Amino acid sequence: MDVILRSDVDKVGLRGEVVSVARGFARNYLLPRGLAEAATPAKVAELQKRAEQRARHEAKSVDEAREIASTLEKTVLTFEVKAGPTGSLFGSVTATDVADEIWRTRKIRVDRRKIDLHDPIKRIGRYAVTIEVFQDVSVEVKTLVKPEGGELPPEEELEAMAAQEQAEAAEAAGEPEPELEYFDEEPVEAEPEAEVDTEEAEPAE
């Protein structure tokens, strides 16, 4: 079954792509969760038209790529996202989000697969995202990921928030350790005592 992805789906594809998946996977997972929609001829045609329009704004030579890189170098992308008290996002900022925001703000098309974002951004902060605009032409785009309705704290505070979250995670992971040590020690002492008592009692009878 062909569907149009409405979100990036791991091991399936990126938002806006037409992919072929098992009918059951589409009906039981992708469609109910709003991750995809049926790829009707009309919607596919609309996607192709949109892709052609964007393609006109893609670099086709080194000179064009350098001009685009110069523009992107002066660009600051801003994402306002829901985040927890320690700065973790309720969601993530993906390469697709970066490409869409560049198109929205600059009307420049960049290939999502040429955006050097190995893992989605999952914390608020200031980032420099490397984009390969053309062969041998790359640029770093300043990207701010801010808490919804708020401002980015200073870098020192962001580092402290990240350290706090790591400490809490380490503490949570380390909680079972004292119990394991306690139970390891007790049986070693108890078993020999039981054997000695048994041996002394039998001859006495």
Protein backbone atom coordinates (compact mmCIF):
# COMPACT_ATOMS: atom_id res chain seq x y z
CA MET A 1 0.00 0.00 0.00
CA ASP A 2 1.36 3.44 -0.96
CA VAL A 3 1.16 6.19 1.66
CA ILE A 4 2.46 9.75 2.04
CA LEU A 5 4.40 10.19 5.26
CA ARG A 6 3.28 13.12 7.41
CA SER A 7 6.19 12.67 9.83
CA ASP A 8 9.65 11.15 9.72
CA VAL A 9 9.29 7.45 10.57
CA ASP A 10 12.39 5.50 11.52
CA LYS A 11 13.33 2.83 8.95
CA VAL A 12 10.36 3.84 6.77
CA GLY A 13 11.09 7.31 5.34
CA LEU A 14 10.98 11.07 5.73
CA ARG A 15 8.04 13.42 5.88
CA GLY A 16 6.55 14.13 2.46
CA GLU A 17 7.83 10.94 0.86
CA VAL A 18 5.63 8.41 -0.89
CA VAL A 19 6.48 4.95 0.44
CA SER A 20 5.10 1.47 -0.06
CA VAL A 21 4.28 -0.38 3.17
CA ALA A 22 2.31 -3.44 4.23
CA ARG A 23 -1.44 -2.74 4.31
CA GLY A 24 -1.73 -3.91 7.92
CA PHE A 25 1.15 -1.69 9.05
CA ALA A 26 -0.52 1.30 7.39
CA ARG A 27 -4.00 0.62 8.77
CA ASN A 28 -2.97 -0.42 12.27
CA TYR A 29 -0.07 1.94 12.91
CA LEU A 30 0.69 4.73 10.43
CA LEU A 31 -2.82 5.97 9.59
CA PRO A 32 -4.39 5.86 13.09
CA ARG A 33 -1.45 7.78 14.56
CA GLY A 34 -1.54 10.44 11.87
CA LEU A 35 1.96 9.50 10.68
CA ALA A 36 0.80 9.00 7.09
CA GLU A 37 -2.11 9.41 4.71
CA ALA A 38 -3.27 7.40 1.73
CA ALA A 39 -1.34 8.26 -1.44
CA THR A 40 -4.20 9.20 -3.74
CA PRO A 41 -3.33 10.28 -7.32
CA ALA A 42 -4.39 13.85 -6.53
CA LYS A 43 -2.19 14.11 -3.44
CA VAL A 44 0.80 12.54 -5.20
CA ALA A 45 0.40 15.02 -8.09
CA GLU A 46 0.30 17.88 -5.58
CA LEU A 47 3.49 16.62 -3.94
CA GLN A 48 5.27 16.38 -7.29
CA LYS A 49 4.21 19.90 -8.22
CA ARG A 50 5.50 21.22 -4.90
CA ALA A 51 8.80 19.35 -5.36
CA GLU A 52 9.24 20.84 -8.84
CA GLN A 53 8.65 24.34 -7.48
CA ARG A 54 11.23 23.84 -4.76
CA ALA A 55 13.71 22.30 -7.22
CA ARG A 56 13.92 25.67 -9.00
CA HIS A 57 15.44 27.08 -5.82
CA GLU A 58 18.09 24.39 -5.44
CA ALA A 59 21.74 25.02 -6.29
CA LYS A 60 22.64 23.72 -9.76
CA SER A 61 26.22 24.97 -9.95
CA VAL A 62 29.11 25.81 -7.64
CA ASP A 63 28.50 29.57 -8.09
CA GLU A 64 24.82 29.22 -7.16
CA ALA A 65 25.77 27.03 -4.21
CA ARG A 66 28.21 29.66 -2.92
CA GLU A 67 25.51 32.32 -3.09
CA ILE A 68 23.08 30.08 -1.22
CA ALA A 69 25.78 29.23 1.35
CA SER A 70 26.42 32.93 1.87
CA THR A 71 22.72 33.50 2.57
CA LEU A 72 22.45 30.53 4.91
CA GLU A 73 25.54 31.64 6.79
CA LYS A 74 23.64 34.77 7.83
CA THR A 75 20.49 32.83 8.67
CA VAL A 76 19.40 31.90 12.20
CA LEU A 77 16.77 29.19 12.38
CA THR A 78 14.53 29.27 15.44
CA PHE A 79 12.36 26.44 16.73
CA GLU A 80 10.00 26.89 19.67
CA VAL A 81 9.26 23.51 21.21
CA LYS A 82 7.72 22.00 24.33
CA ALA A 83 10.44 21.12 26.82
CA GLY A 84 10.74 19.77 30.35
CA PRO A 85 12.40 21.52 33.33
CA THR A 86 15.83 20.09 32.50
CA GLY A 87 15.65 21.13 28.83
CA SER A 88 14.63 17.81 27.26
CA LEU A 89 12.20 18.17 24.37
CA PHE A 90 8.79 16.51 24.22
CA GLY A 91 9.66 15.37 20.72
CA SER A 92 12.66 16.35 18.58
CA VAL A 93 13.92 18.63 15.79
CA THR A 94 14.84 16.56 12.73
CA ALA A 95 16.68 17.18 9.46
CA THR A 96 13.27 17.44 7.79
CA ASP A 97 12.28 20.22 10.21
CA VAL A 98 15.50 22.09 9.40
CA ALA A 99 14.96 21.75 5.63
CA ASP A 100 11.33 22.90 5.93
CA GLU A 101 12.27 25.91 8.05
CA ILE A 102 14.97 26.95 5.55
CA TRP A 103 12.37 26.75 2.80
CA ARG A 104 9.80 28.69 4.85
CA THR A 105 12.15 31.50 5.84
CA ARG A 106 14.51 31.71 2.85
CA LYS A 107 12.76 29.88 0.00
CA ILE A 108 15.94 27.83 -0.45
CA ARG A 109 15.69 24.11 -1.07
CA VAL A 110 18.27 21.85 0.56
CA ASP A 111 18.33 18.07 0.41
CA ARG A 112 17.31 16.71 3.81
CA ARG A 113 19.85 13.93 3.43
CA LYS A 114 22.64 16.50 3.06
CA ILE A 115 21.86 17.99 6.48
CA ASP A 116 24.46 16.66 8.89
CA LEU A 117 22.17 15.80 11.80
CA HIS A 118 23.04 12.22 12.73
CA ASP A 119 20.54 12.22 15.58
CA PRO A 120 17.51 14.50 16.00
CA ILE A 121 17.97 17.43 18.40
CA LYS A 122 16.37 16.48 21.73
CA ARG A 123 17.41 19.35 24.02
CA ILE A 124 16.95 23.10 23.98
CA GLY A 125 20.13 24.92 23.07
CA ARG A 126 22.24 26.64 20.43
CA TYR A 127 23.41 24.48 17.55
CA ALA A 128 25.48 24.83 14.37
CA VAL A 129 23.98 22.51 11.76
CA THR A 130 26.25 21.65 8.82
CA ILE A 131 24.57 21.48 5.41
CA GLU A 132 26.15 20.33 2.16
CA VAL A 133 24.65 22.74 -0.36
CA PHE A 134 26.58 21.36 -3.32
CA GLN A 135 29.63 19.19 -3.86
CA ASP A 136 32.51 20.78 -1.91
CA VAL A 137 30.23 23.62 -0.74
CA SER A 138 29.04 23.36 2.85
CA VAL A 139 27.80 25.85 5.41
CA GLU A 140 27.00 25.91 9.11
CA VAL A 141 23.55 27.27 9.91
CA LYS A 142 22.93 28.70 13.38
CA THR A 143 19.94 26.97 14.93
CA LEU A 144 18.19 27.94 18.17
CA VAL A 145 15.91 25.44 19.87
CA LYS A 146 13.94 27.40 22.48
CA PRO A 147 11.37 26.36 25.08
CA GLU A 148 7.84 27.21 23.98
CA GLY A 149 6.92 30.71 25.13
CA GLY A 150 10.34 31.31 26.71
CA GLU A 151 13.90 32.31 26.00
CA LEU A 152 17.11 30.30 25.87
CA PRO A 153 19.07 30.39 29.15
CA PRO A 154 22.80 31.24 29.11
CA GLU A 155 25.14 28.47 27.98
CA GLU A 156 26.33 27.81 31.56
CA GLU A 157 22.76 27.20 32.70
CA LEU A 158 22.09 24.89 29.75
CA GLU A 159 25.16 22.84 30.68
CA ALA A 160 24.01 22.69 34.31
CA MET A 161 20.55 21.49 33.23
CA ALA A 162 22.07 18.76 31.06
CA ALA A 163 24.38 17.73 33.93
CA GLN A 164 21.43 17.60 36.32
CA GLU A 165 19.48 15.35 33.96
CA GLN A 166 22.49 13.04 33.55
CA ALA A 167 22.98 12.89 37.32
CA GLU A 168 19.31 12.05 37.89
CA ALA A 169 19.47 9.33 35.22
CA ALA A 170 22.66 7.88 36.76
CA GLU A 171 21.12 7.96 40.23
CA ALA A 172 17.98 6.21 39.00
CA ALA A 173 20.10 3.58 37.26
CA GLY A 174 22.22 3.10 40.39
CA GLU A 175 19.38 2.65 42.91
CA PRO A 176 19.22 -1.18 42.73
CA GLU A 177 22.97 -1.60 43.39
CA PRO A 178 22.89 -1.38 47.24
CA GLU A 179 20.13 -4.02 47.38
CA LEU A 180 22.14 -6.41 45.19
CA GLU A 181 25.20 -6.06 47.44
CA TYR A 182 23.09 -6.70 50.55
CA PHE A 183 21.53 -9.90 49.21
CA ASP A 184 24.89 -11.14 47.90
CA GLU A 185 26.50 -10.90 51.36
CA GLU A 186 23.76 -12.38 53.56
CA PRO A 187 23.43 -15.91 52.07
CA VAL A 188 27.20 -16.47 52.27
CA GLU A 189 27.13 -16.03 56.07
CA ALA A 190 23.85 -17.90 56.66
CA GLU A 191 24.63 -21.18 54.83
CA PRO A 192 27.72 -22.31 56.82
CA GLU A 193 25.92 -21.67 60.17
CA ALA A 194 23.02 -23.90 59.17
CA GLU A 195 25.37 -26.77 58.22
CA VAL A 196 27.31 -26.60 61.51
CA ASP A 197 24.11 -26.68 63.59
CA THR A 198 22.87 -29.77 61.76
CA GLU A 199 26.08 -31.76 62.17
CA GLU A 200 26.30 -31.08 65.95
CA ALA A 201 22.64 -31.95 66.56
CA GLU A 202 22.72 -35.44 64.96
CA PRO A 203 25.42 -37.06 67.19
CA ALA A 204 23.75 -35.63 70.31
CA GLU A 205 20.62 -37.69 69.63
